[in-house]
Amino acid sequence: MTDERIAKFDTRREELAKLSNDQLKSRFWELTNKMVEPIIDLAKTHTSPSIERAILLRMGVDSVSSHGVVDRILEAGLLGKGAGHVVLKLSQTSGKDIRGAAQAILDDKNVLNGLF
């Protein structure tokens, strides 16, 4: 390590040593949130049908159904909200489980109208 880098480390360590545990915890979460902001922004604006199908698979929707569900959500212009989010919201509003909500989307594409 260079002397300059060691000096910067020592300075940061001294500053952190002055903080209480609660202040350190707060600082940790502040830095963590800053670090993941770009990732969250990217995730909000960049998705694909394959990513959304993978999410539905992890939610318990079978592979064949996930294809159809994502296609219906894409046709409805809701893919940007996330297929998992759409299925979850429909599940909550309809009282069906996740698989039942996915099946409802397959059975009737109009079930997505007015969901958001």
C-alpha atoms as a PDB file:
ATOM      1  CA  MET A   1       0.000   0.000   0.000  1.00  0.00           C
ATOM      2  CA  THR A   2       1.086   3.524  -0.618  1.00  0.00           C
ATOM      3  CA  ASP A   3       1.646   5.930   2.234  1.00  0.00           C
ATOM      4  CA  GLU A   4      -1.138   8.168   0.968  1.00  0.00           C
ATOM      5  CA  ARG A   5      -3.630   5.309   1.001  1.00  0.00           C
ATOM      6  CA  ILE A   6      -2.603   4.289   4.518  1.00  0.00           C
ATOM      7  CA  ALA A   7      -3.002   7.887   5.699  1.00  0.00           C
ATOM      8  CA  LYS A   8      -6.529   8.078   4.237  1.00  0.00           C
ATOM      9  CA  PHE A   9      -7.439   4.813   5.943  1.00  0.00           C
ATOM     10  CA  ASP A  10      -6.133   6.039   9.292  1.00  0.00           C
ATOM     11  CA  THR A  11      -8.103   9.276   8.952  1.00  0.00           C
ATOM     12  CA  ARG A  12     -11.337   7.395   8.163  1.00  0.00           C
ATOM     13  CA  ARG A  13     -10.724   4.963  11.011  1.00  0.00           C
ATOM     14  CA  GLU A  14     -10.269   7.835  13.481  1.00  0.00           C
ATOM     15  CA  GLU A  15     -13.488   9.498  12.302  1.00  0.00           C
ATOM     16  CA  LEU A  16     -15.437   6.261  12.637  1.00  0.00           C
ATOM     17  CA  ALA A  17     -13.994   5.542  16.076  1.00  0.00           C
ATOM     18  CA  LYS A  18     -15.747   8.683  17.356  1.00  0.00           C
ATOM     19  CA  LEU A  19     -19.194   7.370  16.376  1.00  0.00           C
ATOM     20  CA  SER A  20     -21.521   5.434  18.674  1.00  0.00           C
ATOM     21  CA  ASN A  21     -22.914   2.057  17.633  1.00  0.00           C
ATOM     22  CA  ASP A  22     -26.216   3.665  16.619  1.00  0.00           C
ATOM     23  CA  GLN A  23     -24.388   6.281  14.562  1.00  0.00           C
ATOM     24  CA  LEU A  24     -22.270   3.574  12.914  1.00  0.00           C
ATOM     25  CA  LYS A  25     -25.389   1.582  12.099  1.00  0.00           C
ATOM     26  CA  SER A  26     -27.039   4.660  10.632  1.00  0.00           C
ATOM     27  CA  ARG A  27     -23.931   5.456   8.583  1.00  0.00           C
ATOM     28  CA  PHE A  28     -23.778   1.868   7.340  1.00  0.00           C
ATOM     29  CA  TRP A  29     -27.364   1.959   6.047  1.00  0.00           C
ATOM     30  CA  GLU A  30     -26.865   5.401   4.538  1.00  0.00           C
ATOM     31  CA  LEU A  31     -23.864   4.150   2.548  1.00  0.00           C
ATOM     32  CA  THR A  32     -25.619   0.911   1.650  1.00  0.00           C
ATOM     33  CA  ASN A  33     -28.614   2.793   0.258  1.00  0.00           C
ATOM     34  CA  LYS A  34     -26.310   5.041  -1.778  1.00  0.00           C
ATOM     35  CA  MET A  35     -24.525   2.005  -3.146  1.00  0.00           C
ATOM     36  CA  VAL A  36     -27.662   0.191  -4.317  1.00  0.00           C
ATOM     37  CA  GLU A  37     -29.500   3.239  -5.733  1.00  0.00           C
ATOM     38  CA  PRO A  38     -27.981   2.839  -9.214  1.00  0.00           C
ATOM     39  CA  ILE A  39     -28.815  -0.863  -9.194  1.00  0.00           C
ATOM     40  CA  ILE A  40     -32.416  -0.170  -8.211  1.00  0.00           C
ATOM     41  CA  ASP A  41     -32.724   2.541 -10.860  1.00  0.00           C
ATOM     42  CA  LEU A  42     -31.358   0.153 -13.470  1.00  0.00           C
ATOM     43  CA  ALA A  43     -33.740  -2.595 -12.403  1.00  0.00           C
ATOM     44  CA  LYS A  44     -36.704  -0.217 -12.628  1.00  0.00           C
ATOM     45  CA  THR A  45     -35.906   0.728 -16.213  1.00  0.00           C
ATOM     46  CA  HIS A  46     -34.380  -2.454 -17.621  1.00  0.00           C
ATOM     47  CA  THR A  47     -36.184  -5.750 -17.648  1.00  0.00           C
ATOM     48  CA  SER A  48     -36.953  -8.392 -20.189  1.00  0.00           C
ATOM     49  CA  PRO A  49     -39.504 -11.132 -20.610  1.00  0.00           C
ATOM     50  CA  SER A  50     -36.881 -13.751 -19.718  1.00  0.00           C
ATOM     51  CA  ILE A  51     -36.062 -11.998 -16.444  1.00  0.00           C
ATOM     52  CA  GLU A  52     -39.743 -11.700 -15.605  1.00  0.00           C
ATOM     53  CA  ARG A  53     -40.363 -15.384 -16.418  1.00  0.00           C
ATOM     54  CA  ALA A  54     -37.492 -16.318 -14.098  1.00  0.00           C
ATOM     55  CA  ILE A  55     -39.097 -14.302 -11.322  1.00  0.00           C
ATOM     56  CA  LEU A  56     -42.438 -16.047 -11.831  1.00  0.00           C
ATOM     57  CA  LEU A  57     -40.703 -19.426 -11.726  1.00  0.00           C
ATOM     58  CA  ARG A  58     -39.269 -18.522  -8.329  1.00  0.00           C
ATOM     59  CA  MET A  59     -42.744 -17.533  -7.195  1.00  0.00           C
ATOM     60  CA  GLY A  60     -44.008 -21.026  -8.004  1.00  0.00           C
ATOM     61  CA  VAL A  61     -45.564 -20.484 -11.429  1.00  0.00           C
ATOM     62  CA  ASP A  62     -44.724 -23.316 -13.817  1.00  0.00           C
ATOM     63  CA  SER A  63     -42.582 -22.699 -16.908  1.00  0.00           C
ATOM     64  CA  VAL A  64     -45.316 -23.036 -19.516  1.00  0.00           C
ATOM     65  CA  SER A  65     -47.684 -20.751 -17.620  1.00  0.00           C
ATOM     66  CA  SER A  66     -44.976 -18.168 -16.960  1.00  0.00           C
ATOM     67  CA  HIS A  67     -44.493 -17.707 -20.713  1.00  0.00           C
ATOM     68  CA  GLY A  68     -48.168 -16.968 -21.249  1.00  0.00           C
ATOM     69  CA  VAL A  69     -48.478 -14.766 -18.178  1.00  0.00           C
ATOM     70  CA  VAL A  70     -45.495 -12.624 -19.180  1.00  0.00           C
ATOM     71  CA  ASP A  71     -46.860 -12.324 -22.734  1.00  0.00           C
ATOM     72  CA  ARG A  72     -50.225 -11.138 -21.394  1.00  0.00           C
ATOM     73  CA  ILE A  73     -48.561  -8.665 -19.022  1.00  0.00           C
ATOM     74  CA  LEU A  74     -46.383  -7.366 -21.869  1.00  0.00           C
ATOM     75  CA  GLU A  75     -49.465  -6.945 -24.112  1.00  0.00           C
ATOM     76  CA  ALA A  76     -51.177  -4.991 -21.314  1.00  0.00           C
ATOM     77  CA  GLY A  77     -48.173  -2.645 -21.082  1.00  0.00           C
ATOM     78  CA  LEU A  78     -47.462  -3.609 -17.484  1.00  0.00           C
ATOM     79  CA  LEU A  79     -44.131  -5.410 -17.830  1.00  0.00           C
ATOM     80  CA  GLY A  80     -42.310  -2.352 -16.473  1.00  0.00           C
ATOM     81  CA  LYS A  81     -44.122  -2.888 -13.182  1.00  0.00           C
ATOM     82  CA  GLY A  82     -42.642  -6.375 -12.979  1.00  0.00           C
ATOM     83  CA  ALA A  83     -44.515  -9.570 -13.742  1.00  0.00           C
ATOM     84  CA  GLY A  84     -44.109 -10.773 -10.166  1.00  0.00           C
ATOM     85  CA  HIS A  85     -45.544  -7.511  -8.868  1.00  0.00           C
ATOM     86  CA  VAL A  86     -48.503  -7.744 -11.260  1.00  0.00           C
ATOM     87  CA  VAL A  87     -49.259 -11.335 -10.254  1.00  0.00           C
ATOM     88  CA  LEU A  88     -48.868 -10.503  -6.558  1.00  0.00           C
ATOM     89  CA  LYS A  89     -51.179  -7.487  -6.834  1.00  0.00           C
ATOM     90  CA  LEU A  90     -53.797  -9.546  -8.655  1.00  0.00           C
ATOM     91  CA  SER A  91     -53.438 -12.251  -6.016  1.00  0.00           C
ATOM     92  CA  GLN A  92     -54.040  -9.735  -3.249  1.00  0.00           C
ATOM     93  CA  THR A  93     -57.002  -8.049  -4.915  1.00  0.00           C
ATOM     94  CA  SER A  94     -58.676 -11.268  -6.023  1.00  0.00           C
ATOM     95  CA  GLY A  95     -57.960 -13.371  -2.943  1.00  0.00           C
ATOM     96  CA  LYS A  96     -56.339 -16.091  -5.055  1.00  0.00           C
ATOM     97  CA  ASP A  97     -52.965 -17.663  -4.436  1.00  0.00           C
ATOM     98  CA  ILE A  98     -50.057 -16.845  -6.766  1.00  0.00           C
ATOM     99  CA  ARG A  99     -50.713 -19.765  -9.109  1.00  0.00           C
ATOM    100  CA  GLY A 100     -54.415 -18.937  -9.180  1.00  0.00           C
ATOM    101  CA  ALA A 101     -53.682 -15.325 -10.065  1.00  0.00           C
ATOM    102  CA  ALA A 102     -51.318 -16.438 -12.841  1.00  0.00           C
ATOM    103  CA  GLN A 103     -54.013 -18.769 -14.176  1.00  0.00           C
ATOM    104  CA  ALA A 104     -56.554 -15.932 -14.062  1.00  0.00           C
ATOM    105  CA  ILE A 105     -54.246 -13.848 -16.257  1.00  0.00           C
ATOM    106  CA  LEU A 106     -53.992 -16.734 -18.709  1.00  0.00           C
ATOM    107  CA  ASP A 107     -57.751 -17.291 -18.712  1.00  0.00           C
ATOM    108  CA  ASP A 108     -58.758 -13.644 -19.142  1.00  0.00           C
ATOM    109  CA  LYS A 109     -56.395 -10.878 -20.212  1.00  0.00           C
ATOM    110  CA  ASN A 110     -59.018  -8.301 -19.165  1.00  0.00           C
ATOM    111  CA  VAL A 111     -58.338  -9.171 -15.517  1.00  0.00           C
ATOM    112  CA  LEU A 112     -55.329  -6.843 -15.781  1.00  0.00           C
ATOM    113  CA  ASN A 113     -57.462  -3.825 -16.706  1.00  0.00           C
ATOM    114  CA  GLY A 114     -57.525  -1.260 -13.908  1.00  0.00           C
ATOM    115  CA  LEU A 115     -55.152  -3.248 -11.730  1.00  0.00           C
ATOM    116  CA  PHE A 116     -52.800  -0.266 -11.322  1.00  0.00           C
END
